[in-house]
Amino acid sequence: MPRGAVGFTAWSEQDISLRLSTIRGLRHRIAAGAEELVEALHTRPGRTAAESVSAEILPLAEACRFLEREASRLLAPKRLGRRGRPVWLFGVEAEVRREPVGTVLIVGPSNYPLLLPGVQAVQALAAGNRVLVKPAPGCSAPMILLGVWLEEAGLPPGLFRVLDESAAAVAEAIEEGIDKLVLTGSADTGRAVAEKLARHLVPSTMELSGNDAVFVLPGADPEQVARALAFGLRLNGSATCIAPRRVFVPHGMAAGLEAALLRHIGTIPAVPVSPPTGRRLAALARDAVAGGARALGALPGEDSPAMAPLILADATPDMALLREEIFAPLLSLVPVRDMGEALTVAAASPYALGASVFGPEAQARELAGRVDAGTVTINDLIVPTADPRLPFGGRHASGWGVTRGAEGLLEMTQVKTVSVRKGRLRPHFDQPRAGDEALMLAALRLFHGGPGTRGGALRRLVQAVRGRSAG
């Protein structure tokens, strides 16, 4: 779709309050038609209607309200005052503007097919962009419904377009011309798409694979930790990018945590897994057991269509399952001497999306500052990241850039600076004169030299000005 498509210029140049009225209308329609969205999300296996509302629909509505409250301020031009302006730029006024990037292609995931591409889409639209959405296979329904409701709320036709679900649709859109891509998916997908984007010099934001770490501090309540881990294994069939996978626990606490976990995971139902996923997980689990891990539960069969939660106790740092993307209810318990060892082992994984810390708050906060991850929760899992004010993104093989929050909105923009020279004085337009070098060196030393040099620099500056005037 060319940049000059009907409606785009009017939308991008429209007063932000009018754009946000469309977002507000969408939020109201989401609330009124939540049951329709639940039905559109029925493709998520094993998910209850309550989970769809709490994990996708309600957070999307909150994200809309965040934009209604904050987007005008965040996107407004920022006037730079005199403070910090170089002296030699006297008379210059400057501002930083945020403008839409143009066409944003959003590649959605299958695990949260409404919330993740939905938040990214409304942020892109609030910033004045056109949006293309490529849903995951079998996940078009909620995005199509969102598009209908956006137009009902006032979005000009054609500014939110749902592509077909094939991987080829991404390549075709890139070839036709986009201005930014936002992708949520695996690291392998991210690499393949990034290569295509590089040929066209198109920027991107990518939220990629995770293998999230959980750090259990001395003083943590094993029962509370076990309940949290069971929740992470149960939520959305454990198909959550920041679900717990690697649990680092002091040697003396490992047995108690094991026992508590076993009490909580017994009622969690098995979830469907694809044949390739089942075979990979079965191989990882077998290798871990062969290396000394203990399986607390039945190992998954290679051809099993479903998988019950599996705990692998006594996992060691050299095991592959600590470094692989895992998108199923599998948890490794890694006994460690202390949190220093835990941080070292955790850093061996290429993924750094999220992490959680359990224990006394002061110590947990200190450890959170040392954890290499895009988001850290303390004494909780997953749920706090639904706060629409928080940016979300990973590091290393878990991607780059962020979505959501103020920072996610600004990622949907490009920066333009505007400087205005006041008055008629333009000495830099004149031909160079004798003494210019001495004048500039004196000014440099006056403004940037150490305390002991400023007196002499000021004298030299006065002399240079007089010399230049005399010349």
Protein backbone atom coordinates (compact mmCIF):
# COMPACT_ATOMS: atom_id res chain seq x y z
CA MET A 1 0.00 0.00 0.00
CA PRO A 2 1.71 3.25 -1.10
CA ARG A 3 2.38 6.04 1.36
CA GLY A 4 -0.09 8.26 -0.44
CA ALA A 5 -2.98 5.84 0.09
CA VAL A 6 -6.36 7.44 0.69
CA GLY A 7 -6.84 8.31 4.34
CA PHE A 8 -3.27 7.90 5.57
CA THR A 9 -2.16 11.53 5.34
CA ALA A 10 -5.38 12.73 6.92
CA TRP A 11 -4.97 10.20 9.75
CA SER A 12 -1.28 10.92 10.42
CA GLU A 13 -1.79 14.69 10.41
CA GLN A 14 -5.02 14.56 12.40
CA ASP A 15 -5.03 16.09 15.85
CA ILE A 16 -3.98 13.44 18.36
CA SER A 17 -7.20 13.91 20.33
CA LEU A 18 -9.22 12.76 17.32
CA ARG A 19 -7.04 9.69 16.85
CA LEU A 20 -7.41 8.84 20.50
CA SER A 21 -11.18 9.16 20.25
CA THR A 22 -10.98 6.18 17.87
CA ILE A 23 -8.96 4.25 20.44
CA ARG A 24 -11.54 5.16 23.08
CA GLY A 25 -14.34 3.94 20.84
CA LEU A 26 -12.49 0.67 20.33
CA ARG A 27 -12.09 0.24 24.10
CA HIS A 28 -15.81 0.70 24.64
CA ARG A 29 -16.56 -1.78 21.85
CA ILE A 30 -14.17 -4.32 23.41
CA ALA A 31 -16.06 -4.05 26.68
CA ALA A 32 -19.45 -4.38 24.99
CA GLY A 33 -18.41 -7.26 22.72
CA ALA A 34 -16.06 -9.20 24.97
CA GLU A 35 -18.03 -12.40 24.42
CA GLU A 36 -17.40 -12.11 20.68
CA LEU A 37 -13.68 -11.86 21.34
CA VAL A 38 -13.81 -14.89 23.63
CA GLU A 39 -15.42 -16.84 20.81
CA ALA A 40 -12.81 -15.56 18.34
CA LEU A 41 -10.10 -16.82 20.72
CA HIS A 42 -11.51 -20.34 21.01
CA THR A 43 -8.59 -21.70 18.96
CA ARG A 44 -6.35 -21.62 22.06
CA PRO A 45 -6.51 -25.27 23.26
CA GLY A 46 -7.56 -25.83 26.85
CA ARG A 47 -8.05 -22.14 27.63
CA THR A 48 -11.12 -21.14 29.61
CA ALA A 49 -13.24 -18.11 28.81
CA ALA A 50 -12.12 -16.53 32.09
CA GLU A 51 -8.49 -16.91 31.08
CA SER A 52 -9.13 -15.27 27.70
CA VAL A 53 -10.75 -12.31 29.44
CA SER A 54 -8.06 -11.93 32.11
CA ALA A 55 -5.01 -12.67 29.96
CA GLU A 56 -5.95 -10.91 26.71
CA ILE A 57 -9.14 -8.87 26.63
CA LEU A 58 -8.88 -6.91 29.87
CA PRO A 59 -5.15 -6.05 29.38
CA LEU A 60 -5.90 -4.84 25.83
CA ALA A 61 -8.63 -2.54 27.13
CA GLU A 62 -6.22 -1.21 29.77
CA ALA A 63 -3.61 -0.58 27.07
CA CYS A 64 -6.15 1.49 25.15
CA ARG A 65 -6.95 3.54 28.24
CA PHE A 66 -3.24 4.10 28.87
CA LEU A 67 -2.97 5.66 25.40
CA GLU A 68 -6.04 7.81 25.96
CA ARG A 69 -4.43 9.21 29.10
CA GLU A 70 -0.78 9.47 28.10
CA ALA A 71 -0.27 9.52 24.32
CA SER A 72 -0.95 13.24 23.84
CA ARG A 73 1.76 14.14 26.33
CA LEU A 74 4.24 11.55 25.09
CA LEU A 75 3.85 12.48 21.43
CA ALA A 76 3.76 16.26 21.90
CA PRO A 77 6.75 18.25 20.55
CA LYS A 78 9.36 18.84 23.24
CA ARG A 79 10.63 22.41 23.35
CA LEU A 80 14.24 22.66 24.55
CA GLY A 81 14.83 25.70 26.72
CA ARG A 82 18.04 27.60 27.31
CA ARG A 83 19.31 25.19 29.94
CA GLY A 84 22.18 23.20 28.47
CA ARG A 85 22.24 25.10 25.19
CA PRO A 86 25.81 25.87 24.06
CA VAL A 87 26.62 29.56 24.47
CA TRP A 88 27.63 29.85 20.82
CA LEU A 89 24.07 28.82 19.83
CA PHE A 90 22.53 31.88 21.48
CA GLY A 91 19.38 32.90 19.66
CA VAL A 92 18.54 29.35 18.55
CA GLU A 93 15.31 27.70 19.68
CA ALA A 94 14.96 23.93 19.26
CA GLU A 95 12.36 21.23 19.60
CA VAL A 96 12.13 17.47 19.16
CA ARG A 97 9.11 16.11 17.34
CA ARG A 98 7.70 12.58 17.15
CA GLU A 99 6.22 11.64 13.80
CA PRO A 100 4.69 8.39 12.51
CA VAL A 101 7.07 6.03 10.73
CA GLY A 102 4.50 5.20 8.03
CA THR A 103 3.46 1.59 7.52
CA VAL A 104 4.02 -0.78 10.45
CA LEU A 105 3.85 -4.53 9.82
CA ILE A 106 2.94 -6.50 12.95
CA VAL A 107 3.67 -10.24 12.94
CA GLY A 108 1.56 -11.82 15.65
CA PRO A 109 2.11 -15.00 17.72
CA SER A 110 -0.22 -17.91 18.35
CA ASN A 111 -0.07 -17.92 22.16
CA TYR A 112 -1.68 -14.50 22.72
CA PRO A 113 -3.19 -13.72 19.31
CA LEU A 114 -5.27 -10.76 20.51
CA LEU A 115 -3.30 -9.02 23.26
CA LEU A 116 0.18 -8.86 21.76
CA PRO A 117 -0.59 -7.74 18.18
CA GLY A 118 -3.59 -5.77 19.49
CA VAL A 119 -1.55 -3.57 21.82
CA GLN A 120 1.11 -3.07 19.17
CA ALA A 121 -1.56 -2.09 16.63
CA VAL A 122 -3.32 0.47 18.80
CA GLN A 123 0.03 2.03 19.74
CA ALA A 124 1.01 2.27 16.09
CA LEU A 125 -2.37 3.81 15.19
CA ALA A 126 -2.24 6.27 18.08
CA ALA A 127 1.13 7.44 16.76
CA GLY A 128 -0.45 8.08 13.34
CA ASN A 129 0.73 5.04 11.42
CA ARG A 130 -0.91 2.62 9.02
CA VAL A 131 -0.97 -0.98 10.30
CA LEU A 132 -0.67 -4.34 8.60
CA VAL A 133 -1.15 -7.43 10.77
CA LYS A 134 0.02 -10.93 9.83
CA PRO A 135 -1.66 -13.30 12.30
CA ALA A 136 -0.26 -16.68 13.26
CA PRO A 137 -1.90 -19.66 11.54
CA GLY A 138 -5.44 -20.10 12.79
CA CYS A 139 -5.43 -16.77 14.63
CA SER A 140 -7.01 -14.29 12.20
CA ALA A 141 -10.44 -14.11 13.84
CA PRO A 142 -9.65 -11.72 16.72
CA MET A 143 -7.66 -9.40 14.45
CA ILE A 144 -10.44 -9.28 11.86
CA LEU A 145 -12.92 -8.41 14.59
CA LEU A 146 -10.59 -5.71 15.89
CA GLY A 147 -10.37 -4.21 12.40
CA VAL A 148 -14.16 -4.05 12.06
CA TRP A 149 -14.51 -2.36 15.44
CA LEU A 150 -11.75 0.16 14.67
CA GLU A 151 -13.55 1.30 11.53
CA GLU A 152 -16.81 1.51 13.46
CA ALA A 153 -14.96 3.74 15.94
CA GLY A 154 -13.80 6.09 13.19
CA LEU A 155 -10.60 4.69 11.71
CA PRO A 156 -10.46 5.46 7.96
CA PRO A 157 -10.81 2.29 5.85
CA GLY A 158 -7.54 0.68 4.77
CA LEU A 159 -5.43 1.87 7.69
CA PHE A 160 -5.75 -1.45 9.55
CA ARG A 161 -5.38 -4.40 7.25
CA VAL A 162 -5.20 -8.10 8.17
CA LEU A 163 -2.95 -10.11 5.85
CA ASP A 164 -3.25 -13.82 5.20
CA GLU A 165 -1.65 -16.17 7.72
CA SER A 166 1.14 -17.54 5.53
CA ALA A 167 4.81 -16.80 6.09
CA ALA A 168 4.92 -15.62 2.48
CA ALA A 169 2.68 -12.69 3.42
CA VAL A 170 5.50 -11.21 5.52
CA ALA A 171 8.01 -11.46 2.68
CA GLU A 172 5.53 -9.96 0.22
CA ALA A 173 4.75 -7.03 2.50
CA ILE A 174 8.45 -6.32 2.99
CA GLU A 175 9.03 -6.37 -0.75
CA GLU A 176 6.05 -4.08 -1.38
CA GLY A 177 7.43 -1.61 1.14
CA ILE A 178 6.99 -1.15 4.88
CA ASP A 179 8.60 1.32 7.26
CA LYS A 180 8.87 -0.81 10.38
CA LEU A 181 8.24 -4.39 11.50
CA VAL A 182 7.19 -5.58 14.94
CA LEU A 183 7.49 -9.34 15.44
CA THR A 184 6.65 -11.64 18.33
CA GLY A 185 7.96 -15.15 17.73
CA SER A 186 10.87 -17.53 17.95
CA ALA A 187 14.52 -16.58 17.65
CA ASP A 188 14.76 -18.63 14.45
CA THR A 189 11.87 -16.70 12.91
CA GLY A 190 13.44 -13.44 14.05
CA ARG A 191 16.74 -14.25 12.37
CA ALA A 192 15.06 -15.17 9.09
CA VAL A 193 12.92 -12.03 9.03
CA ALA A 194 15.81 -9.77 10.11
CA GLU A 195 17.81 -10.95 7.10
CA LYS A 196 14.99 -9.91 4.78
CA LEU A 197 14.65 -6.55 6.50
CA ALA A 198 18.38 -5.88 6.28
CA ARG A 199 18.25 -5.93 2.49
CA HIS A 200 15.71 -3.12 2.60
CA LEU A 201 17.19 -1.25 5.59
CA VAL A 202 13.89 -1.54 7.47
CA PRO A 203 14.07 -1.19 11.28
CA SER A 204 12.33 -3.61 13.60
CA THR A 205 11.28 -4.42 17.12
CA MET A 206 11.45 -8.12 17.95
CA GLU A 207 10.27 -10.02 20.99
CA LEU A 208 11.79 -13.47 20.57
CA SER A 209 12.33 -16.71 22.44
CA GLY A 210 12.67 -17.09 26.19
CA ASN A 211 13.86 -19.61 28.76
CA ASP A 212 13.05 -17.66 31.88
CA ALA A 213 14.98 -17.97 35.11
CA VAL A 214 13.54 -18.00 38.62
CA PHE A 215 15.85 -17.18 41.54
CA VAL A 216 14.82 -18.50 44.96
CA LEU A 217 16.58 -16.62 47.75
CA PRO A 218 17.17 -17.94 51.27
CA GLY A 219 14.18 -16.81 53.26
CA ALA A 220 11.70 -17.38 50.43
CA ASP A 221 8.51 -19.27 51.31
CA PRO A 222 8.73 -22.63 49.43
CA GLU A 223 4.95 -22.98 49.44
CA GLN A 224 4.47 -19.58 47.84
CA VAL A 225 7.19 -20.26 45.29
CA ALA A 226 5.62 -23.63 44.42
CA ARG A 227 2.20 -22.03 43.93
CA ALA A 228 3.73 -19.42 41.63
CA LEU A 229 5.60 -22.03 39.57
CA ALA A 230 2.45 -24.16 39.25
CA PHE A 231 0.59 -21.07 38.02
CA GLY A 232 3.31 -20.51 35.41
CA LEU A 233 2.98 -24.10 34.23
CA ARG A 234 -0.82 -23.86 34.07
CA LEU A 235 -1.43 -20.40 32.56
CA ASN A 236 -2.26 -20.66 28.86
CA GLY A 237 -0.98 -24.23 28.83
CA SER A 238 2.45 -22.82 29.78
CA ALA A 239 2.65 -21.26 26.31
CA THR A 240 3.79 -17.92 27.68
CA CYS A 241 7.08 -16.39 26.64
CA ILE A 242 7.96 -15.50 30.23
CA ALA A 243 6.74 -18.71 31.85
CA PRO A 244 9.21 -20.17 34.38
CA ARG A 245 11.66 -22.72 32.96
CA ARG A 246 14.87 -22.66 35.05
CA VAL A 247 14.57 -22.48 38.84
CA PHE A 248 17.78 -21.73 40.75
CA VAL A 249 17.37 -22.81 44.36
CA PRO A 250 19.91 -23.16 47.21
CA HIS A 251 20.88 -26.78 47.93
CA GLY A 252 19.30 -26.70 51.37
CA MET A 253 15.92 -25.55 50.00
CA ALA A 254 15.67 -27.85 46.98
CA ALA A 255 13.98 -30.81 48.67
CA GLY A 256 11.32 -28.64 50.31
CA LEU A 257 10.54 -26.89 47.02
CA GLU A 258 10.31 -30.24 45.22
CA ALA A 259 7.79 -31.56 47.71
CA ALA A 260 5.68 -28.40 47.55
CA LEU A 261 5.72 -28.41 43.75
CA LEU A 262 4.51 -31.99 43.57
CA ARG A 263 1.52 -31.05 45.74
CA HIS A 264 0.50 -28.30 43.33
CA ILE A 265 1.06 -29.66 39.83
CA GLY A 266 -0.95 -32.87 40.12
CA THR A 267 -4.22 -31.25 39.06
CA ILE A 268 -2.80 -29.38 36.05
CA PRO A 269 -4.13 -31.04 32.87
CA ALA A 270 -1.96 -32.15 29.99
CA VAL A 271 -1.81 -29.74 27.06
CA PRO A 272 -1.56 -30.47 23.33
CA VAL A 273 1.91 -30.36 21.79
CA SER A 274 2.82 -30.57 18.13
CA PRO A 275 4.80 -33.63 16.99
CA PRO A 276 8.01 -31.63 16.36
CA THR A 277 7.74 -30.00 19.79
CA GLY A 278 7.03 -33.34 21.46
CA ARG A 279 10.03 -35.00 19.87
CA ARG A 280 12.36 -32.14 20.81
CA LEU A 281 11.17 -32.02 24.42
CA ALA A 282 11.38 -35.81 24.76
CA ALA A 283 14.99 -35.71 23.56
CA LEU A 284 15.91 -32.85 25.92
CA ALA A 285 14.31 -34.62 28.88
CA ARG A 286 16.00 -37.96 28.09
CA ASP A 287 19.39 -36.28 27.78
CA ALA A 288 18.86 -34.49 31.10
CA VAL A 289 17.95 -37.72 32.89
CA ALA A 290 20.93 -39.47 31.33
CA GLY A 291 23.07 -36.63 32.71
CA GLY A 292 21.81 -37.11 36.27
CA ALA A 293 18.52 -35.18 36.47
CA ARG A 294 15.53 -36.79 38.14
CA ALA A 295 12.15 -36.71 36.38
CA LEU A 296 9.33 -35.94 38.80
CA GLY A 297 6.67 -37.40 36.53
CA ALA A 298 6.50 -39.38 33.31
CA LEU A 299 8.85 -38.39 30.52
CA PRO A 300 6.98 -37.21 27.43
CA GLY A 301 6.69 -39.67 24.59
CA GLU A 302 7.99 -38.59 21.21
CA ASP A 303 4.63 -39.19 19.52
CA SER A 304 2.38 -38.17 22.41
CA PRO A 305 -0.22 -35.57 21.36
CA ALA A 306 -0.26 -34.02 24.85
CA MET A 307 2.12 -33.28 27.69
CA ALA A 308 1.51 -33.10 31.43
CA PRO A 309 3.70 -30.81 33.57
CA LEU A 310 7.17 -32.29 34.02
CA ILE A 311 9.70 -31.31 36.69
CA LEU A 312 13.34 -32.21 36.18
CA ALA A 313 15.11 -32.01 39.54
CA ASP A 314 18.88 -31.89 40.07
CA ALA A 315 19.42 -30.29 36.67
CA THR A 316 23.02 -29.20 36.07
CA PRO A 317 24.44 -26.20 34.19
CA ASP A 318 25.70 -28.26 31.26
CA MET A 319 22.24 -29.57 30.30
CA ALA A 320 20.85 -28.39 26.96
CA LEU A 321 17.34 -27.81 28.28
CA LEU A 322 18.70 -24.79 30.20
CA ARG A 323 19.75 -23.14 26.95
CA GLU A 324 16.89 -24.08 24.60
CA GLU A 325 13.61 -22.31 23.89
CA ILE A 326 10.87 -24.30 25.65
CA PHE A 327 7.21 -23.57 25.04
CA ALA A 328 5.57 -26.31 27.08
CA PRO A 329 5.02 -27.17 30.80
CA LEU A 330 8.57 -28.26 31.57
CA LEU A 331 10.49 -26.95 34.57
CA SER A 332 14.10 -27.56 35.64
CA LEU A 333 15.21 -27.28 39.27
CA VAL A 334 18.88 -26.31 39.46
CA PRO A 335 20.45 -26.55 42.94
CA VAL A 336 23.12 -23.86 43.51
CA ARG A 337 25.52 -22.84 46.29
CA ASP A 338 24.38 -19.22 46.21
CA MET A 339 22.92 -16.55 43.97
CA GLY A 340 26.34 -15.71 42.56
CA GLU A 341 26.51 -19.19 41.07
CA ALA A 342 22.89 -18.88 39.95
CA LEU A 343 23.64 -15.69 38.02
CA THR A 344 26.64 -17.29 36.36
CA VAL A 345 24.66 -20.35 35.26
CA ALA A 346 21.71 -18.21 34.13
CA ALA A 347 23.98 -16.09 31.96
CA ALA A 348 25.04 -19.19 29.98
CA SER A 349 21.63 -19.20 28.28
CA PRO A 350 21.39 -17.08 25.13
CA TYR A 351 17.91 -15.91 26.15
CA ALA A 352 17.24 -12.96 28.45
CA LEU A 353 13.57 -12.11 28.16
CA GLY A 354 12.27 -12.20 31.72
CA ALA A 355 13.16 -13.43 35.19
CA SER A 356 11.57 -13.68 38.65
CA VAL A 357 13.07 -13.40 42.11
CA PHE A 358 11.46 -14.80 45.27
CA GLY A 359 12.56 -13.90 48.76
CA PRO A 360 12.87 -10.99 51.22
CA GLU A 361 12.18 -7.79 49.32
CA ALA A 362 15.41 -5.93 50.04
CA GLN A 363 17.61 -8.82 48.94
CA ALA A 364 15.33 -9.53 45.99
CA ARG A 365 15.57 -5.94 44.77
CA GLU A 366 19.36 -6.08 45.00
CA LEU A 367 19.49 -9.31 43.02
CA ALA A 368 17.05 -7.97 40.43
CA GLY A 369 19.55 -5.22 39.68
CA ARG A 370 22.15 -7.87 38.79
CA VAL A 371 19.90 -10.08 36.64
CA ASP A 372 20.45 -9.76 32.89
CA ALA A 373 16.89 -9.71 31.54
CA GLY A 374 14.42 -7.32 29.95
CA THR A 375 11.88 -7.62 32.75
CA VAL A 376 12.12 -8.86 36.32
CA THR A 377 9.25 -9.57 38.72
CA ILE A 378 9.74 -9.92 42.47
CA ASN A 379 7.64 -12.39 44.46
CA ASP A 380 5.31 -12.95 41.53
CA LEU A 381 5.23 -14.36 38.00
CA ILE A 382 4.03 -13.00 34.65
CA VAL A 383 0.96 -11.04 35.82
CA PRO A 384 2.68 -7.71 36.74
CA THR A 385 3.91 -7.39 33.15
CA ALA A 386 0.29 -6.78 32.08
CA ASP A 387 0.64 -3.26 33.51
CA PRO A 388 0.11 -1.08 30.40
CA ARG A 389 2.65 1.44 31.70
CA LEU A 390 5.50 -1.05 31.51
CA PRO A 391 7.60 -1.56 28.38
CA PHE A 392 8.28 -5.17 27.47
CA GLY A 393 11.22 -6.57 25.53
CA GLY A 394 14.18 -8.91 25.68
CA ARG A 395 17.94 -8.92 25.35
CA HIS A 396 20.46 -10.99 23.42
CA ALA A 397 18.71 -13.84 21.55
CA SER A 398 15.39 -12.75 23.07
CA GLY A 399 15.20 -9.78 20.75
CA TRP A 400 15.57 -6.01 20.76
CA GLY A 401 13.41 -2.96 21.23
CA VAL A 402 10.27 -2.87 23.34
CA THR A 403 6.52 -2.84 22.94
CA ARG A 404 3.91 -1.44 25.31
CA GLY A 405 4.25 1.41 27.77
CA ALA A 406 5.56 4.86 26.89
CA GLU A 407 8.70 3.41 25.33
CA GLY A 408 6.65 1.06 23.14
CA LEU A 409 4.56 3.96 21.86
CA LEU A 410 7.68 5.98 21.03
CA GLU A 411 9.08 3.00 19.10
CA MET A 412 6.21 3.55 16.67
CA THR A 413 7.57 7.00 15.82
CA GLN A 414 10.56 8.59 14.16
CA VAL A 415 12.35 11.65 15.48
CA LYS A 416 12.55 15.00 13.76
CA THR A 417 14.41 17.98 15.23
CA VAL A 418 13.52 21.56 14.32
CA SER A 419 15.83 24.49 15.12
CA VAL A 420 14.90 28.16 14.66
CA ARG A 421 17.48 30.99 14.65
CA LYS A 422 16.07 34.22 16.09
CA GLY A 423 17.28 37.73 15.24
CA ARG A 424 19.56 38.83 12.40
CA LEU A 425 23.00 38.02 13.81
CA ARG A 426 24.73 35.22 11.82
CA PRO A 427 28.50 35.57 12.43
CA HIS A 428 29.15 32.04 11.14
CA PHE A 429 28.02 33.14 7.66
CA ASP A 430 31.01 35.49 7.41
CA GLN A 431 34.29 34.56 5.80
CA PRO A 432 36.88 33.20 8.30
CA ARG A 433 39.06 35.90 9.82
CA ALA A 434 42.43 36.02 11.49
CA GLY A 435 42.11 35.25 15.15
CA ASP A 436 39.16 32.86 14.79
CA GLU A 437 41.23 29.89 15.88
CA ALA A 438 42.51 31.66 19.00
CA LEU A 439 38.96 32.79 19.82
CA MET A 440 37.54 29.29 19.59
CA LEU A 441 40.40 27.70 21.53
CA ALA A 442 40.00 30.26 24.30
CA ALA A 443 36.25 29.59 24.43
CA LEU A 444 36.87 25.82 24.51
CA ARG A 445 39.21 26.12 27.49
CA LEU A 446 36.92 28.54 29.30
CA PHE A 447 33.82 26.38 29.00
CA HIS A 448 35.39 22.94 29.24
CA GLY A 449 38.76 23.27 30.97
CA GLY A 450 39.41 22.32 34.56
CA PRO A 451 38.81 24.73 37.47
CA GLY A 452 42.44 25.86 37.55
CA THR A 453 42.48 26.94 33.91
CA ARG A 454 39.36 29.08 33.66
CA GLY A 455 40.88 32.37 34.85
CA GLY A 456 43.62 32.28 32.24
CA ALA A 457 41.17 31.08 29.62
CA LEU A 458 38.89 34.05 30.26
CA ARG A 459 41.81 36.49 29.79
CA ARG A 460 42.79 34.76 26.57
CA LEU A 461 39.19 34.89 25.38
CA VAL A 462 39.00 38.65 25.99
CA GLN A 463 42.32 39.10 24.19
CA ALA A 464 41.14 36.99 21.25
CA VAL A 465 37.92 38.99 20.92
CA ARG A 466 39.86 42.26 20.97
CA GLY A 467 42.38 40.94 18.48
CA ARG A 468 39.66 39.73 16.12
CA SER A 469 37.81 43.07 16.40
CA ALA A 470 41.00 44.97 15.68
CA GLY A 471 41.66 42.75 12.66
